[in-house]
Protein backbone atom coordinates (compact mmCIF):
# COMPACT_ATOMS: atom_id res chain seq x y z
CA MET A 1 -19.48 -4.71 -36.51
CA GLY A 2 -20.90 -8.16 -34.63
CA GLU A 3 -21.13 -9.03 -31.16
CA GLY A 4 -18.05 -11.19 -31.83
CA ASP A 5 -16.00 -8.00 -33.50
CA ARG A 6 -17.35 -5.88 -30.41
CA ALA A 7 -16.50 -8.32 -28.03
CA SER A 8 -12.96 -9.07 -29.19
CA GLY A 9 -12.25 -5.17 -29.86
CA SER A 10 -13.01 -4.58 -26.29
CA GLN A 11 -10.91 -7.34 -25.03
CA THR A 12 -8.05 -6.50 -27.11
CA GLY A 13 -8.44 -2.50 -25.77
CA LEU A 14 -8.58 -3.72 -21.88
CA MET A 15 -5.20 -5.76 -23.24
CA ILE A 16 -3.39 -3.21 -24.36
CA GLU A 17 -4.27 -1.01 -21.39
CA MET A 18 -3.06 -3.54 -19.02
CA ARG A 19 0.17 -3.47 -21.05
CA VAL A 20 0.01 0.24 -20.94
CA SER A 21 -0.04 0.22 -17.14
CA ARG A 22 2.43 -2.46 -17.16
CA ALA A 23 5.15 0.04 -18.66
CA GLU A 24 4.10 2.92 -16.83
CA ALA A 25 4.65 0.86 -13.35
CA ALA A 26 8.16 -0.16 -15.06
CA SER A 27 9.07 3.07 -15.67
CA ALA A 28 11.02 5.33 -12.31
CA THR A 29 9.28 8.24 -13.25
CA SER A 30 5.69 6.94 -14.60
CA TYR A 31 3.05 4.73 -12.35
CA ALA A 32 -0.17 3.92 -12.76
CA TYR A 33 -2.00 1.14 -10.49
CA ARG A 34 -6.09 0.35 -10.91
CA ALA A 35 -8.18 0.65 -7.76
CA SER A 36 -10.74 -1.51 -8.86
CA LEU A 37 -12.15 -2.78 -12.24
CA ILE A 38 -14.59 0.21 -12.46
CA GLY A 39 -12.62 3.26 -13.90
CA SER A 40 -9.73 4.13 -15.73
CA ALA A 41 -6.17 3.36 -13.87
CA HIS A 42 -4.57 6.10 -11.54
CA ARG A 43 -2.13 7.75 -13.29
CA PHE A 44 1.34 9.79 -11.67
CA GLU A 45 4.46 11.32 -13.64
CA LEU A 46 7.49 12.81 -12.46
CA THR A 47 7.73 16.03 -14.91
CA ASP A 48 9.98 19.01 -14.71
CA GLU A 49 6.69 21.11 -13.42
CA GLY A 50 6.28 18.19 -10.51
CA LEU A 51 3.87 15.40 -9.77
CA SER A 52 1.12 14.83 -12.32
CA TRP A 53 -1.41 12.73 -11.57
CA HIS A 54 -5.07 11.93 -13.19
CA VAL A 55 -7.45 10.24 -10.87
CA ALA A 56 -11.24 9.45 -10.82
CA GLY A 57 -11.30 12.01 -14.02
CA ARG A 58 -9.05 14.72 -11.77
CA SER A 59 -5.43 15.84 -12.55
CA GLY A 60 -3.06 17.75 -11.31
CA VAL A 61 0.25 18.61 -11.58
CA TRP A 62 1.94 19.21 -7.65
CA ARG A 63 5.23 20.97 -7.66
CA TYR A 64 7.84 19.15 -5.56
CA ASP A 65 8.06 21.81 -2.96
CA GLU A 66 4.77 22.16 -2.03
CA ILE A 67 3.93 18.62 -1.46
CA SER A 68 3.92 19.35 2.43
CA ALA A 69 3.86 15.04 3.19
CA ILE A 70 4.31 11.51 2.58
CA ARG A 71 2.99 8.35 4.64
CA LEU A 72 4.55 5.24 3.82
CA SER A 73 2.41 2.24 5.49
CA PHE A 74 1.80 -1.77 5.22
CA ARG A 75 -1.59 -2.67 3.79
CA PRO A 76 -2.41 -5.89 3.03
CA VAL A 77 -5.69 -6.97 1.98
CA SER A 78 -7.72 -10.22 2.03
CA MET A 79 -6.69 -10.33 -2.16
CA GLN A 80 -2.97 -9.43 -1.72
CA GLN A 81 -1.24 -9.93 1.77
CA HIS A 82 1.68 -8.05 0.27
CA ARG A 83 0.35 -4.25 -0.60
CA PHE A 84 1.67 -1.10 0.09
CA ARG A 85 0.73 2.32 0.25
CA ALA A 86 1.68 6.04 -0.27
CA ASP A 87 -0.35 8.98 0.92
CA VAL A 88 0.89 11.86 -0.71
CA SER A 89 -0.55 15.39 0.40
CA ARG A 90 -0.20 18.78 -0.80
CA ALA A 91 0.35 22.15 1.34
CA GLY A 92 -3.32 23.90 1.04
CA GLY A 93 -4.95 20.98 1.07
CA GLY A 94 -5.49 17.55 -1.32
CA ARG A 95 -4.08 14.05 -0.56
CA ILE A 96 -3.37 11.24 -3.63
CA ALA A 97 -3.02 7.80 -2.59
CA ILE A 98 -0.61 5.63 -4.27
CA LEU A 99 -1.04 1.75 -3.89
CA SER A 100 1.72 -1.13 -4.59
CA THR A 101 -0.80 -3.86 -6.67
CA SER A 102 -3.32 -3.38 -9.44
CA TRP A 103 -6.77 -5.19 -10.02
CA GLN A 104 -6.27 -7.23 -13.00
CA THR A 105 -9.36 -9.27 -13.21
CA ALA A 106 -12.25 -9.96 -10.52
CA ALA A 107 -9.79 -12.58 -8.84
CA LEU A 108 -6.45 -11.00 -9.18
CA MET A 109 -4.80 -8.09 -7.77
CA ALA A 110 -1.66 -8.31 -9.07
CA PRO A 111 1.73 -6.60 -7.42
CA GLN A 112 3.84 -4.17 -9.23
CA ASP A 113 6.56 -4.00 -6.65
CA SER A 114 9.30 -2.68 -8.91
CA GLY A 115 7.50 -0.18 -10.65
CA PHE A 116 6.02 1.09 -7.02
CA ARG A 117 9.74 1.28 -5.69
CA ASP A 118 11.25 2.93 -8.17
CA PHE A 119 8.63 5.91 -8.54
CA LEU A 120 8.95 6.19 -5.21
CA VAL A 121 12.30 6.58 -4.84
CA GLU A 122 12.61 8.98 -7.34
CA LEU A 123 9.87 11.24 -5.89
CA HIS A 124 11.96 10.99 -3.02
CA ALA A 125 14.79 12.61 -4.94
CA ARG A 126 13.50 14.88 -6.70
CA MET A 127 11.29 16.45 -3.74
CA ALA A 128 15.29 16.83 -1.59
CA LYS A 129 16.15 18.35 -4.89
CA ALA A 130 13.94 21.26 -5.22
CA GLY A 131 14.37 22.01 -1.31
CA SER A 132 11.40 20.40 -0.05
CA ARG A 133 10.64 20.57 3.56
CA ALA A 134 7.86 17.92 3.26
CA GLU A 135 6.84 16.11 6.98
CA LEU A 136 8.15 11.98 6.03
CA THR A 137 6.43 9.68 8.08
CA ALA A 138 6.03 6.06 7.63
CA GLY A 139 3.48 3.28 9.45
CA LEU A 140 0.22 4.31 10.94
CA GLY A 141 -0.52 7.05 13.05
CA ARG A 142 0.97 7.04 17.08
CA LYS A 143 -2.26 6.66 18.08
CA THR A 144 -3.98 4.68 15.91
CA TYR A 145 -0.94 2.31 16.25
CA ALA A 146 -1.52 2.80 20.27
CA ALA A 147 -4.46 1.45 20.05
CA VAL A 148 -3.61 -1.64 17.91
CA LEU A 149 -1.27 -2.40 20.10
CA ALA A 150 -3.72 -2.19 22.97
CA PHE A 151 -6.47 -4.88 21.36
CA LEU A 152 -2.87 -6.96 20.88
CA ALA A 153 -2.38 -7.03 24.33
CA VAL A 154 -6.13 -7.72 25.13
CA LEU A 155 -6.15 -10.41 23.17
CA ALA A 156 -2.93 -12.16 24.28
CA VAL A 157 -4.04 -11.96 27.54
CA ALA A 158 -7.49 -13.44 26.80
CA MET A 159 -5.48 -16.27 24.56
CA THR A 160 -3.20 -17.30 27.46
CA GLY A 161 -6.34 -17.60 29.85
CA LEU A 162 -8.01 -19.63 27.79
CA LEU A 163 -4.82 -22.07 27.31
CA VAL A 164 -4.49 -22.43 30.94
CA ARG A 165 -7.81 -22.89 31.40
CA ALA A 166 -7.41 -26.00 29.00
CA LEU A 167 -4.37 -27.17 30.58
CA MET A 168 -6.08 -27.59 33.88
CA ILE A 169 -9.31 -29.22 33.26
CA GLY A 170 -7.14 -31.71 30.66
CA GLU A 171 -8.32 -30.37 27.21
CA PHE A 172 -5.01 -31.01 25.27
CA ALA A 173 -6.23 -31.28 22.30
CA GLY A 174 -8.30 -27.63 22.76
CA ALA A 175 -4.97 -26.51 24.28
CA LEU A 176 -3.14 -27.53 21.34
CA PHE A 177 -5.66 -25.82 18.85
CA ILE A 178 -4.94 -22.54 21.05
CA VAL A 179 -1.38 -22.72 20.36
CA GLY A 180 -2.12 -22.96 16.93
CA PHE A 181 -4.60 -20.77 16.24
CA ALA A 182 -1.82 -18.19 18.16
CA ALA A 183 0.85 -18.72 16.11
CA LEU A 184 -1.04 -18.44 13.00
CA PHE A 185 -2.24 -15.10 14.47
CA VAL A 186 1.24 -13.25 15.14
CA TRP A 187 2.44 -14.90 12.11
CA GLN A 188 0.43 -12.77 10.10
CA VAL A 189 -0.22 -9.80 12.41
CA GLY A 190 3.60 -9.51 13.39
CA GLY A 191 4.32 -8.57 9.90
CA PHE A 192 1.81 -5.62 10.00
CA VAL A 193 2.97 -4.31 13.28
CA ARG A 194 6.20 -4.55 12.55
CA ARG A 195 6.44 -2.28 9.45
CA ASN A 196 3.93 -0.10 10.61
CA GLN A 197 5.86 1.15 13.53
CA PRO A 198 5.59 4.29 13.82
CA GLN A 199 8.26 6.55 12.23
CA SER A 200 9.93 9.89 10.77
CA TYR A 201 12.53 9.87 8.45
CA SER A 202 14.69 11.71 6.01
CA PHE A 203 15.06 11.79 2.07
CA ASP A 204 17.95 9.70 2.38
CA ARG A 205 16.93 7.11 4.33
CA VAL A 206 13.73 5.89 2.91
CA PRO A 207 12.49 3.26 5.05
CA ARG A 208 13.43 -0.42 2.98
CA SER A 209 10.76 -1.65 5.18
CA LEU A 210 7.89 0.19 3.37
CA LEU A 211 8.89 -0.47 0.03
CA PRO A 212 8.16 -3.82 -1.83
């Protein structure tokens, strides 16, 4: 087989795997995403026995009633501003992360909103049916959230001081820049702070703000 044939075969295999990943992501009982361009996709399936997972060469099945906690959060990154995350923990140890985006190419991190949302809603439904007593939380941890708010408060005081000083010395161009920068910062960070407010929820009230 020539180099051209091998390259063609490799591309065909990648395209097939990407189509399989998309098909799994579209199902309410299965989901897959690529955490990086290297390695196989992380795959999850809701079976009669429990949550089946295959991550980085490891695999297992967690019964729905032995899942001890789920934390939902909003986790934007530079490549994808609309990204969500679910951390699933098991009683006795172990945690797996499920992300709403998947690496497709070196320059593309694609959203899988509907597949991620449907899979998590179905996971919660199966856990509730199994009588799960898992701790369901949303947003950042309370200490982390408090630290974020404290940082934003200090930044706001500093920006206000710079704005007042610019106005006092007549630097209106500088004042306009500060106002514009503050508006952009609030627009980008405001959604993160609002969505990640710490809270607890129940199986029948999964917070929609943390599902794409």
